[in-house]
Amino acid sequence: MFIINHKKIFIGISVALVLISVIFISTFGLKLGIDFKGGAIMEVAYTTTAPDTVTLQNAIKPLDLGGALVQPTGDTGYIIKTRDLTETERSNLLKALSLDNKYTLEEKSFNSIGPSVGSELKRKAIIAIILVSLAIIIFIAFAFRKVSKPVSSWRYGFIAIVTLLHDVMIPIGIFTVLSHFYGAEVDTLFVVAVLTVLGLSVSDTIVVFDRIRENLKSHVGKDFSETVGTSIKQVYTRSINTSLTVILVLLCLFFFGPVSTKYFALMMTAGMFFGTYSSIFLASPLLVAVEGWQKNKTKKK
């Protein structure tokens, strides 16, 4: 009952975190990667030792390639992201990366994405997120269609969507800070992370809601708040342990995985953490708050 008794504190923490994330997003904005705005991506590997990132950035700067992003990969490799390049600019870039032939390197891959392809990816990403969100709403409305007292079924769905927004907005806010200070870019992996967080988050929330539904049928607890408190006690260990196992894997991917998946792993870690937090400390207290609001409204009538 500790969580329910202090529901205002936990709801307040969530509201504060979402507001901070909104401020970060509106202030810093998200930096779109070449997947969405078009450009070129080159991967090179040095045969022996490799120069440091700062040295390469200084070597590339005079080429005026539109804010080239240099990311280390592996022991002696780099990924360079730039605007779309001509063949001459590509050759000049390779020469700059070799520091005028002081280092021997191999071009592992080179890909160019046009602006039209980037716009198409952006449109499909937005559609995918909208469709997933609608599917989640429909599923919750169907799953809880027989729940009507003391909180109607559609309110379960509404609260689930509120928690989804919470679970997505905070990781995006964190990513915005990384984008502003460390050059992290929105790519297809970012979209995959958002969609995955949506699915995992609602799964955790539904587990808690389902336990509340079963306890309501069994008349567990003297009132609704006690029923919710008992339900949280019954499932929170399972929710936390499940999330921890996934978070440990994601942290391993972040610290030991390739550079290309580091921000994906970080987004997923934040999503899993706040998704678990919201299912226990936000969704359930909101149900009790809504039930209390309904009671007060009935009394006034």
C-alpha atoms as a PDB file:
ATOM      1  CA  MET A   1       0.000   0.000   0.000  1.00  0.00           C
ATOM      2  CA  PHE A   2       3.048   2.279   0.244  1.00  0.00           C
ATOM      3  CA  ILE A   3       2.823   3.154  -3.456  1.00  0.00           C
ATOM      4  CA  ILE A   4      -0.910   3.883  -3.319  1.00  0.00           C
ATOM      5  CA  ASN A   5      -0.618   5.901  -0.105  1.00  0.00           C
ATOM      6  CA  HIS A   6       2.055   8.085  -1.706  1.00  0.00           C
ATOM      7  CA  LYS A   7       0.565   8.148  -5.193  1.00  0.00           C
ATOM      8  CA  LYS A   8       0.769  11.947  -5.481  1.00  0.00           C
ATOM      9  CA  ILE A   9       4.554  11.836  -5.042  1.00  0.00           C
ATOM     10  CA  PHE A  10       5.081   9.164  -7.716  1.00  0.00           C
ATOM     11  CA  ILE A  11       2.679  10.803 -10.162  1.00  0.00           C
ATOM     12  CA  GLY A  12       4.425  14.131  -9.514  1.00  0.00           C
ATOM     13  CA  ILE A  13       7.848  12.592 -10.283  1.00  0.00           C
ATOM     14  CA  SER A  14       6.537  11.272 -13.618  1.00  0.00           C
ATOM     15  CA  VAL A  15       4.957  14.609 -14.548  1.00  0.00           C
ATOM     16  CA  ALA A  16       8.200  16.449 -13.710  1.00  0.00           C
ATOM     17  CA  LEU A  17      10.318  14.051 -15.823  1.00  0.00           C
ATOM     18  CA  VAL A  18       7.960  14.362 -18.813  1.00  0.00           C
ATOM     19  CA  LEU A  19       7.967  18.174 -18.570  1.00  0.00           C
ATOM     20  CA  ILE A  20      11.777  18.227 -18.438  1.00  0.00           C
ATOM     21  CA  SER A  21      11.868  15.958 -21.506  1.00  0.00           C
ATOM     22  CA  VAL A  22       9.464  18.228 -23.388  1.00  0.00           C
ATOM     23  CA  ILE A  23      11.671  21.227 -22.547  1.00  0.00           C
ATOM     24  CA  PHE A  24      14.755  19.389 -23.839  1.00  0.00           C
ATOM     25  CA  ILE A  25      12.976  18.336 -27.041  1.00  0.00           C
ATOM     26  CA  SER A  26      11.608  21.819 -27.753  1.00  0.00           C
ATOM     27  CA  THR A  27      14.927  23.507 -26.879  1.00  0.00           C
ATOM     28  CA  PHE A  28      17.494  21.207 -28.477  1.00  0.00           C
ATOM     29  CA  GLY A  29      15.447  19.317 -31.061  1.00  0.00           C
ATOM     30  CA  LEU A  30      16.393  16.001 -32.621  1.00  0.00           C
ATOM     31  CA  LYS A  31      19.201  15.725 -35.138  1.00  0.00           C
ATOM     32  CA  LEU A  32      18.053  13.661 -38.122  1.00  0.00           C
ATOM     33  CA  GLY A  33      20.522  11.140 -39.518  1.00  0.00           C
ATOM     34  CA  ILE A  34      21.161  10.371 -43.167  1.00  0.00           C
ATOM     35  CA  ASP A  35      18.427   7.718 -43.066  1.00  0.00           C
ATOM     36  CA  PHE A  36      15.905  10.568 -42.959  1.00  0.00           C
ATOM     37  CA  LYS A  37      17.560  13.602 -44.527  1.00  0.00           C
ATOM     38  CA  GLY A  38      19.784  11.885 -47.090  1.00  0.00           C
ATOM     39  CA  GLY A  39      23.573  11.803 -47.243  1.00  0.00           C
ATOM     40  CA  ALA A  40      26.518   9.414 -47.394  1.00  0.00           C
ATOM     41  CA  ILE A  41      27.984   6.945 -44.924  1.00  0.00           C
ATOM     42  CA  MET A  42      31.490   5.518 -45.255  1.00  0.00           C
ATOM     43  CA  GLU A  43      33.206   2.872 -43.146  1.00  0.00           C
ATOM     44  CA  VAL A  44      36.992   2.587 -43.196  1.00  0.00           C
ATOM     45  CA  ALA A  45      39.502   0.398 -41.375  1.00  0.00           C
ATOM     46  CA  TYR A  46      43.176   1.212 -40.810  1.00  0.00           C
ATOM     47  CA  THR A  47      45.593  -1.639 -41.430  1.00  0.00           C
ATOM     48  CA  THR A  48      47.781  -0.966 -38.375  1.00  0.00           C
ATOM     49  CA  THR A  49      47.224   1.862 -35.922  1.00  0.00           C
ATOM     50  CA  ALA A  50      44.502   4.474 -36.397  1.00  0.00           C
ATOM     51  CA  PRO A  51      44.599   8.243 -35.723  1.00  0.00           C
ATOM     52  CA  ASP A  52      42.348   9.610 -33.004  1.00  0.00           C
ATOM     53  CA  THR A  53      38.903  11.069 -33.672  1.00  0.00           C
ATOM     54  CA  VAL A  54      39.927  14.710 -33.154  1.00  0.00           C
ATOM     55  CA  THR A  55      42.779  14.394 -35.668  1.00  0.00           C
ATOM     56  CA  LEU A  56      40.411  12.990 -38.293  1.00  0.00           C
ATOM     57  CA  GLN A  57      37.807  15.677 -37.648  1.00  0.00           C
ATOM     58  CA  ASN A  58      40.452  18.378 -38.138  1.00  0.00           C
ATOM     59  CA  ALA A  59      41.615  16.687 -41.350  1.00  0.00           C
ATOM     60  CA  ILE A  60      38.073  16.495 -42.759  1.00  0.00           C
ATOM     61  CA  LYS A  61      37.000  20.001 -41.752  1.00  0.00           C
ATOM     62  CA  PRO A  62      38.640  21.870 -44.694  1.00  0.00           C
ATOM     63  CA  LEU A  63      36.696  19.670 -47.167  1.00  0.00           C
ATOM     64  CA  ASP A  64      33.409  21.374 -46.163  1.00  0.00           C
ATOM     65  CA  LEU A  65      31.312  18.195 -46.154  1.00  0.00           C
ATOM     66  CA  GLY A  66      28.428  19.627 -44.150  1.00  0.00           C
ATOM     67  CA  GLY A  67      29.262  18.809 -40.549  1.00  0.00           C
ATOM     68  CA  ALA A  68      30.772  15.351 -41.026  1.00  0.00           C
ATOM     69  CA  LEU A  69      30.277  12.979 -38.088  1.00  0.00           C
ATOM     70  CA  VAL A  70      33.198  10.674 -37.222  1.00  0.00           C
ATOM     71  CA  GLN A  71      32.460   7.607 -35.067  1.00  0.00           C
ATOM     72  CA  PRO A  72      35.014   4.947 -34.041  1.00  0.00           C
ATOM     73  CA  THR A  73      34.085   1.306 -34.647  1.00  0.00           C
ATOM     74  CA  GLY A  74      36.134  -1.703 -33.640  1.00  0.00           C
ATOM     75  CA  ASP A  75      39.844  -1.302 -32.820  1.00  0.00           C
ATOM     76  CA  THR A  76      41.036   0.546 -35.922  1.00  0.00           C
ATOM     77  CA  GLY A  77      37.870   1.478 -37.799  1.00  0.00           C
ATOM     78  CA  TYR A  78      35.743   4.606 -38.272  1.00  0.00           C
ATOM     79  CA  ILE A  79      32.280   5.408 -39.623  1.00  0.00           C
ATOM     80  CA  ILE A  80      31.987   8.794 -41.321  1.00  0.00           C
ATOM     81  CA  LYS A  81      28.592  10.349 -42.047  1.00  0.00           C
ATOM     82  CA  THR A  82      28.375  13.341 -44.370  1.00  0.00           C
ATOM     83  CA  ARG A  83      26.087  15.037 -46.852  1.00  0.00           C
ATOM     84  CA  ASP A  84      25.779  13.397 -50.268  1.00  0.00           C
ATOM     85  CA  LEU A  85      29.197  13.244 -51.968  1.00  0.00           C
ATOM     86  CA  THR A  86      30.397  13.389 -55.534  1.00  0.00           C
ATOM     87  CA  GLU A  87      33.048  10.910 -56.659  1.00  0.00           C
ATOM     88  CA  THR A  88      35.716  13.610 -56.383  1.00  0.00           C
ATOM     89  CA  GLU A  89      34.627  14.510 -52.832  1.00  0.00           C
ATOM     90  CA  ARG A  90      34.674  10.825 -51.929  1.00  0.00           C
ATOM     91  CA  SER A  91      38.280  10.513 -53.143  1.00  0.00           C
ATOM     92  CA  ASN A  92      39.283  13.662 -51.276  1.00  0.00           C
ATOM     93  CA  LEU A  93      37.681  12.306 -48.119  1.00  0.00           C
ATOM     94  CA  LEU A  94      39.659   9.060 -48.341  1.00  0.00           C
ATOM     95  CA  LYS A  95      42.846  11.052 -48.858  1.00  0.00           C
ATOM     96  CA  ALA A  96      42.052  13.245 -45.842  1.00  0.00           C
ATOM     97  CA  LEU A  97      41.360  10.153 -43.715  1.00  0.00           C
ATOM     98  CA  SER A  98      44.768   8.768 -44.643  1.00  0.00           C
ATOM     99  CA  LEU A  99      46.275  12.105 -43.513  1.00  0.00           C
ATOM    100  CA  ASP A 100      47.962  12.530 -46.903  1.00  0.00           C
ATOM    101  CA  ASN A 101      49.005   8.863 -47.084  1.00  0.00           C
ATOM    102  CA  LYS A 102      50.588   8.772 -43.603  1.00  0.00           C
ATOM    103  CA  TYR A 103      48.170   5.974 -42.681  1.00  0.00           C
ATOM    104  CA  THR A 104      47.086   2.969 -44.735  1.00  0.00           C
ATOM    105  CA  LEU A 105      43.371   2.329 -44.729  1.00  0.00           C
ATOM    106  CA  GLU A 106      40.729   0.238 -46.469  1.00  0.00           C
ATOM    107  CA  GLU A 107      37.289   1.452 -47.478  1.00  0.00           C
ATOM    108  CA  LYS A 108      34.955  -1.212 -46.080  1.00  0.00           C
ATOM    109  CA  SER A 109      31.693   0.251 -47.400  1.00  0.00           C
ATOM    110  CA  PHE A 110      30.150   3.382 -48.886  1.00  0.00           C
ATOM    111  CA  ASN A 111      26.426   4.069 -49.163  1.00  0.00           C
ATOM    112  CA  SER A 112      24.500   7.084 -50.396  1.00  0.00           C
ATOM    113  CA  ILE A 113      20.871   7.837 -49.515  1.00  0.00           C
ATOM    114  CA  GLY A 114      19.002  10.453 -51.510  1.00  0.00           C
ATOM    115  CA  PRO A 115      16.666  13.021 -49.875  1.00  0.00           C
ATOM    116  CA  SER A 116      13.614  11.389 -51.500  1.00  0.00           C
ATOM    117  CA  VAL A 117      14.462   8.039 -49.888  1.00  0.00           C
ATOM    118  CA  GLY A 118      15.003   9.791 -46.560  1.00  0.00           C
ATOM    119  CA  SER A 119      11.587  11.487 -46.779  1.00  0.00           C
ATOM    120  CA  GLU A 120       9.936   8.155 -47.555  1.00  0.00           C
ATOM    121  CA  LEU A 121      11.592   6.540 -44.531  1.00  0.00           C
ATOM    122  CA  LYS A 122      10.436   9.432 -42.311  1.00  0.00           C
ATOM    123  CA  ARG A 123       6.840   9.066 -43.544  1.00  0.00           C
ATOM    124  CA  LYS A 124       6.837   5.295 -43.014  1.00  0.00           C
ATOM    125  CA  ALA A 125       8.369   5.659 -39.543  1.00  0.00           C
ATOM    126  CA  ILE A 126       5.619   8.077 -38.454  1.00  0.00           C
ATOM    127  CA  ILE A 127       2.919   5.797 -39.903  1.00  0.00           C
ATOM    128  CA  ALA A 128       4.431   2.779 -38.119  1.00  0.00           C
ATOM    129  CA  ILE A 129       4.409   4.552 -34.733  1.00  0.00           C
ATOM    130  CA  ILE A 130       0.798   5.732 -35.217  1.00  0.00           C
ATOM    131  CA  LEU A 131      -0.403   2.264 -36.292  1.00  0.00           C
ATOM    132  CA  VAL A 132       1.319   0.560 -33.355  1.00  0.00           C
ATOM    133  CA  SER A 133      -0.229   3.063 -30.926  1.00  0.00           C
ATOM    134  CA  LEU A 134      -3.714   2.519 -32.408  1.00  0.00           C
ATOM    135  CA  ALA A 135      -3.278  -1.261 -32.254  1.00  0.00           C
ATOM    136  CA  ILE A 136      -2.339  -1.011 -28.573  1.00  0.00           C
ATOM    137  CA  ILE A 137      -5.404   1.139 -27.800  1.00  0.00           C
ATOM    138  CA  ILE A 138      -7.729  -1.315 -29.601  1.00  0.00           C
ATOM    139  CA  PHE A 139      -6.174  -4.305 -27.837  1.00  0.00           C
ATOM    140  CA  ILE A 140      -6.550  -2.755 -24.360  1.00  0.00           C
ATOM    141  CA  ALA A 141     -10.130  -1.694 -25.055  1.00  0.00           C
ATOM    142  CA  PHE A 142     -10.945  -5.270 -26.118  1.00  0.00           C
ATOM    143  CA  ALA A 143      -9.056  -6.996 -23.285  1.00  0.00           C
ATOM    144  CA  PHE A 144     -10.757  -4.920 -20.577  1.00  0.00           C
ATOM    145  CA  ARG A 145     -14.195  -4.643 -22.198  1.00  0.00           C
ATOM    146  CA  LYS A 146     -15.888  -6.512 -19.312  1.00  0.00           C
ATOM    147  CA  VAL A 147     -14.370  -4.315 -16.607  1.00  0.00           C
ATOM    148  CA  SER A 148     -16.800  -1.595 -15.624  1.00  0.00           C
ATOM    149  CA  LYS A 149     -16.669  -1.136 -11.835  1.00  0.00           C
ATOM    150  CA  PRO A 150     -15.444   0.873 -10.091  1.00  0.00           C
ATOM    151  CA  VAL A 151     -13.390   2.194 -13.046  1.00  0.00           C
ATOM    152  CA  SER A 152     -14.789   1.787 -16.561  1.00  0.00           C
ATOM    153  CA  SER A 153     -12.819  -0.164 -19.181  1.00  0.00           C
ATOM    154  CA  TRP A 154     -12.060   2.788 -21.456  1.00  0.00           C
ATOM    155  CA  ARG A 155     -10.256   4.515 -18.582  1.00  0.00           C
ATOM    156  CA  TYR A 156      -7.853   1.554 -18.358  1.00  0.00           C
ATOM    157  CA  GLY A 157      -7.058   2.154 -22.016  1.00  0.00           C
ATOM    158  CA  PHE A 158      -6.659   5.903 -21.509  1.00  0.00           C
ATOM    159  CA  ILE A 159      -4.290   5.428 -18.556  1.00  0.00           C
ATOM    160  CA  ALA A 160      -2.278   2.866 -20.535  1.00  0.00           C
ATOM    161  CA  ILE A 161      -1.795   5.436 -23.326  1.00  0.00           C
ATOM    162  CA  VAL A 162      -0.755   8.086 -20.766  1.00  0.00           C
ATOM    163  CA  THR A 163       1.902   5.708 -19.420  1.00  0.00           C
ATOM    164  CA  LEU A 164       3.021   4.929 -22.988  1.00  0.00           C
ATOM    165  CA  LEU A 165       3.581   8.630 -23.644  1.00  0.00           C
ATOM    166  CA  HIS A 166       5.524   8.810 -20.369  1.00  0.00           C
ATOM    167  CA  ASP A 167       7.684   5.807 -21.315  1.00  0.00           C
ATOM    168  CA  VAL A 168       8.508   7.182 -24.766  1.00  0.00           C
ATOM    169  CA  MET A 169       8.877  10.901 -23.995  1.00  0.00           C
ATOM    170  CA  ILE A 170      11.531  10.455 -21.289  1.00  0.00           C
ATOM    171  CA  PRO A 171      13.923   8.294 -23.403  1.00  0.00           C
ATOM    172  CA  ILE A 172      13.435  10.697 -26.330  1.00  0.00           C
ATOM    173  CA  GLY A 173      14.291  13.576 -23.978  1.00  0.00           C
ATOM    174  CA  ILE A 174      17.479  11.752 -22.960  1.00  0.00           C
ATOM    175  CA  PHE A 175      18.294  11.107 -26.616  1.00  0.00           C
ATOM    176  CA  THR A 176      17.769  14.801 -27.387  1.00  0.00           C
ATOM    177  CA  VAL A 177      20.459  15.718 -24.853  1.00  0.00           C
ATOM    178  CA  LEU A 178      22.808  13.148 -26.412  1.00  0.00           C
ATOM    179  CA  SER A 179      21.962  14.532 -29.841  1.00  0.00           C
ATOM    180  CA  HIS A 180      22.782  18.090 -28.776  1.00  0.00           C
ATOM    181  CA  PHE A 181      26.011  17.414 -26.857  1.00  0.00           C
ATOM    182  CA  TYR A 182      27.371  14.237 -28.483  1.00  0.00           C
ATOM    183  CA  GLY A 183      25.961  14.345 -32.017  1.00  0.00           C
ATOM    184  CA  ALA A 184      23.617  11.350 -31.717  1.00  0.00           C
ATOM    185  CA  GLU A 185      21.362  11.149 -34.788  1.00  0.00           C
ATOM    186  CA  VAL A 186      17.855   9.811 -35.336  1.00  0.00           C
ATOM    187  CA  ASP A 187      18.112   6.770 -37.594  1.00  0.00           C
ATOM    188  CA  THR A 188      16.077   3.638 -38.289  1.00  0.00           C
ATOM    189  CA  LEU A 189      17.391   2.008 -35.104  1.00  0.00           C
ATOM    190  CA  PHE A 190      15.933   4.938 -33.152  1.00  0.00           C
ATOM    191  CA  VAL A 191      12.494   4.183 -34.642  1.00  0.00           C
ATOM    192  CA  VAL A 192      12.919   0.471 -33.856  1.00  0.00           C
ATOM    193  CA  ALA A 193      13.778   1.392 -30.249  1.00  0.00           C
ATOM    194  CA  VAL A 194      10.665   3.592 -29.909  1.00  0.00           C
ATOM    195  CA  LEU A 195       8.391   0.859 -31.326  1.00  0.00           C
ATOM    196  CA  THR A 196       9.969  -1.782 -29.073  1.00  0.00           C
ATOM    197  CA  VAL A 197       9.580   0.420 -25.991  1.00  0.00           C
ATOM    198  CA  LEU A 198       5.903   0.907 -26.865  1.00  0.00           C
ATOM    199  CA  GLY A 199       5.352  -2.852 -26.999  1.00  0.00           C
ATOM    200  CA  LEU A 200       7.331  -3.765 -23.884  1.00  0.00           C
ATOM    201  CA  SER A 201       5.890  -0.903 -21.847  1.00  0.00           C
ATOM    202  CA  VAL A 202       2.258  -1.733 -22.536  1.00  0.00           C
ATOM    203  CA  SER A 203       2.992  -5.399 -21.838  1.00  0.00           C
ATOM    204  CA  ASP A 204       4.162  -4.570 -18.314  1.00  0.00           C
ATOM    205  CA  THR A 205       1.183  -2.274 -17.686  1.00  0.00           C
ATOM    206  CA  ILE A 206      -1.303  -4.904 -18.868  1.00  0.00           C
ATOM    207  CA  VAL A 207       0.208  -7.487 -16.492  1.00  0.00           C
ATOM    208  CA  VAL A 208      -0.543  -5.156 -13.559  1.00  0.00           C
ATOM    209  CA  PHE A 209      -4.007  -4.249 -14.886  1.00  0.00           C
ATOM    210  CA  ASP A 210      -4.852  -7.908 -15.464  1.00  0.00           C
ATOM    211  CA  ARG A 211      -3.972  -8.755 -11.869  1.00  0.00           C
ATOM    212  CA  ILE A 212      -6.208  -5.891 -10.688  1.00  0.00           C
ATOM    213  CA  ARG A 213      -9.034  -7.226 -12.856  1.00  0.00           C
ATOM    214  CA  GLU A 214      -8.691 -10.751 -11.412  1.00  0.00           C
ATOM    215  CA  ASN A 215      -8.570  -9.441  -7.833  1.00  0.00           C
ATOM    216  CA  LEU A 216     -11.673  -7.330  -8.444  1.00  0.00           C
ATOM    217  CA  LYS A 217     -13.513 -10.477  -9.566  1.00  0.00           C
ATOM    218  CA  SER A 218     -12.323 -12.305  -6.432  1.00  0.00           C
ATOM    219  CA  HIS A 219     -13.266  -9.331  -4.212  1.00  0.00           C
ATOM    220  CA  VAL A 220      -9.734  -9.006  -2.820  1.00  0.00           C
ATOM    221  CA  GLY A 221      -9.392  -5.994  -0.522  1.00  0.00           C
ATOM    222  CA  LYS A 222     -11.900  -3.845   1.338  1.00  0.00           C
ATOM    223  CA  ASP A 223     -11.933  -1.135  -1.330  1.00  0.00           C
ATOM    224  CA  PHE A 224     -10.488  -0.381  -4.758  1.00  0.00           C
ATOM    225  CA  SER A 225      -7.260   1.215  -3.484  1.00  0.00           C
ATOM    226  CA  GLU A 226      -6.509  -1.841  -1.328  1.00  0.00           C
ATOM    227  CA  THR A 227      -7.226  -4.127  -4.281  1.00  0.00           C
ATOM    228  CA  VAL A 228      -4.781  -2.180  -6.434  1.00  0.00           C
ATOM    229  CA  GLY A 229      -2.169  -2.148  -3.653  1.00  0.00           C
ATOM    230  CA  THR A 230      -2.455  -5.926  -3.227  1.00  0.00           C
ATOM    231  CA  SER A 231      -2.211  -6.436  -6.978  1.00  0.00           C
ATOM    232  CA  ILE A 232       1.009  -4.406  -7.156  1.00  0.00           C
ATOM    233  CA  LYS A 233       2.515  -6.504  -4.342  1.00  0.00           C
ATOM    234  CA  GLN A 234       1.696  -9.665  -6.287  1.00  0.00           C
ATOM    235  CA  VAL A 235       3.373  -8.641  -9.550  1.00  0.00           C
ATOM    236  CA  TYR A 236       6.077  -6.041  -8.858  1.00  0.00           C
ATOM    237  CA  THR A 237       8.805  -8.636  -8.184  1.00  0.00           C
ATOM    238  CA  ARG A 238       8.066 -10.359 -11.480  1.00  0.00           C
ATOM    239  CA  SER A 239       8.037  -7.054 -13.392  1.00  0.00           C
ATOM    240  CA  ILE A 240      11.296  -5.804 -11.882  1.00  0.00           C
ATOM    241  CA  ASN A 241      13.146  -9.112 -12.337  1.00  0.00           C
ATOM    242  CA  THR A 242      12.018  -9.427 -15.967  1.00  0.00           C
ATOM    243  CA  SER A 243      13.096  -5.868 -16.756  1.00  0.00           C
ATOM    244  CA  LEU A 244      16.439  -6.267 -14.972  1.00  0.00           C
ATOM    245  CA  THR A 245      17.397  -9.296 -17.058  1.00  0.00           C
ATOM    246  CA  VAL A 246      16.673  -7.349 -20.265  1.00  0.00           C
ATOM    247  CA  ILE A 247      18.449  -4.218 -18.992  1.00  0.00           C
ATOM    248  CA  LEU A 248      21.581  -6.236 -18.151  1.00  0.00           C
ATOM    249  CA  VAL A 249      21.715  -7.561 -21.725  1.00  0.00           C
ATOM    250  CA  LEU A 250      21.188  -4.050 -23.121  1.00  0.00           C
ATOM    251  CA  LEU A 251      23.953  -2.623 -20.916  1.00  0.00           C
ATOM    252  CA  CYS A 252      26.321  -5.313 -22.203  1.00  0.00           C
ATOM    253  CA  LEU A 253      25.369  -4.295 -25.746  1.00  0.00           C
ATOM    254  CA  PHE A 254      25.981  -0.636 -24.867  1.00  0.00           C
ATOM    255  CA  PHE A 255      29.417  -1.150 -23.283  1.00  0.00           C
ATOM    256  CA  PHE A 256      30.759  -3.988 -25.434  1.00  0.00           C
ATOM    257  CA  GLY A 257      28.703  -3.810 -28.636  1.00  0.00           C
ATOM    258  CA  PRO A 258      29.479  -1.918 -31.861  1.00  0.00           C
ATOM    259  CA  VAL A 259      29.234   1.875 -31.970  1.00  0.00           C
ATOM    260  CA  SER A 260      26.291   1.700 -34.380  1.00  0.00           C
ATOM    261  CA  THR A 261      24.043   0.109 -31.717  1.00  0.00           C
ATOM    262  CA  LYS A 262      25.145   2.069 -28.640  1.00  0.00           C
ATOM    263  CA  TYR A 263      22.394   4.698 -28.768  1.00  0.00           C
ATOM    264  CA  PHE A 264      19.829   2.002 -29.594  1.00  0.00           C
ATOM    265  CA  ALA A 265      20.879   0.063 -26.480  1.00  0.00           C
ATOM    266  CA  LEU A 266      20.750   3.241 -24.376  1.00  0.00           C
ATOM    267  CA  MET A 267      17.261   4.136 -25.636  1.00  0.00           C
ATOM    268  CA  MET A 268      16.043   0.614 -24.920  1.00  0.00           C
ATOM    269  CA  THR A 269      17.590   0.637 -21.433  1.00  0.00           C
ATOM    270  CA  ALA A 270      15.884   3.928 -20.568  1.00  0.00           C
ATOM    271  CA  GLY A 271      12.609   2.674 -22.077  1.00  0.00           C
ATOM    272  CA  MET A 272      12.703  -0.557 -20.071  1.00  0.00           C
ATOM    273  CA  PHE A 273      13.523   1.276 -16.833  1.00  0.00           C
ATOM    274  CA  PHE A 274      10.824   3.920 -17.132  1.00  0.00           C
ATOM    275  CA  GLY A 275       8.355   1.393 -18.573  1.00  0.00           C
ATOM    276  CA  THR A 276       8.704  -0.736 -15.441  1.00  0.00           C
ATOM    277  CA  TYR A 277       8.507   2.359 -13.237  1.00  0.00           C
ATOM    278  CA  SER A 278       5.320   3.563 -14.929  1.00  0.00           C
ATOM    279  CA  SER A 279       3.499   0.227 -14.744  1.00  0.00           C
ATOM    280  CA  ILE A 280       4.032   0.071 -10.970  1.00  0.00           C
ATOM    281  CA  PHE A 281       4.361   3.685  -9.809  1.00  0.00           C
ATOM    282  CA  LEU A 282       2.238   5.562 -12.358  1.00  0.00           C
ATOM    283  CA  ALA A 283      -0.466   3.456 -14.045  1.00  0.00           C
ATOM    284  CA  SER A 284      -1.836   1.881 -10.862  1.00  0.00           C
ATOM    285  CA  PRO A 285      -1.814   5.097  -8.777  1.00  0.00           C
ATOM    286  CA  LEU A 286      -3.582   6.854 -11.677  1.00  0.00           C
ATOM    287  CA  LEU A 287      -6.330   4.199 -11.557  1.00  0.00           C
ATOM    288  CA  VAL A 288      -6.836   4.884  -7.845  1.00  0.00           C
ATOM    289  CA  ALA A 289      -6.786   8.653  -8.473  1.00  0.00           C
ATOM    290  CA  VAL A 290      -9.441   8.288 -11.196  1.00  0.00           C
ATOM    291  CA  GLU A 291     -11.586   6.115  -8.917  1.00  0.00           C
ATOM    292  CA  GLY A 292     -11.311   8.728  -6.160  1.00  0.00           C
ATOM    293  CA  TRP A 293     -12.243  11.481  -8.622  1.00  0.00           C
ATOM    294  CA  GLN A 294     -15.319   9.493  -9.692  1.00  0.00           C
ATOM    295  CA  LYS A 295     -16.371   9.066  -6.052  1.00  0.00           C
ATOM    296  CA  ASN A 296     -16.089  12.782  -5.332  1.00  0.00           C
ATOM    297  CA  LYS A 297     -18.026  13.603  -8.468  1.00  0.00           C
ATOM    298  CA  THR A 298     -20.822  11.213  -7.433  1.00  0.00           C
ATOM    299  CA  LYS A 299     -20.990  12.685  -3.917  1.00  0.00           C
ATOM    300  CA  LYS A 300     -21.330  16.233  -5.247  1.00  0.00           C
ATOM    301  CA  LYS A 301     -24.315  15.153  -7.329  1.00  0.00           C
END
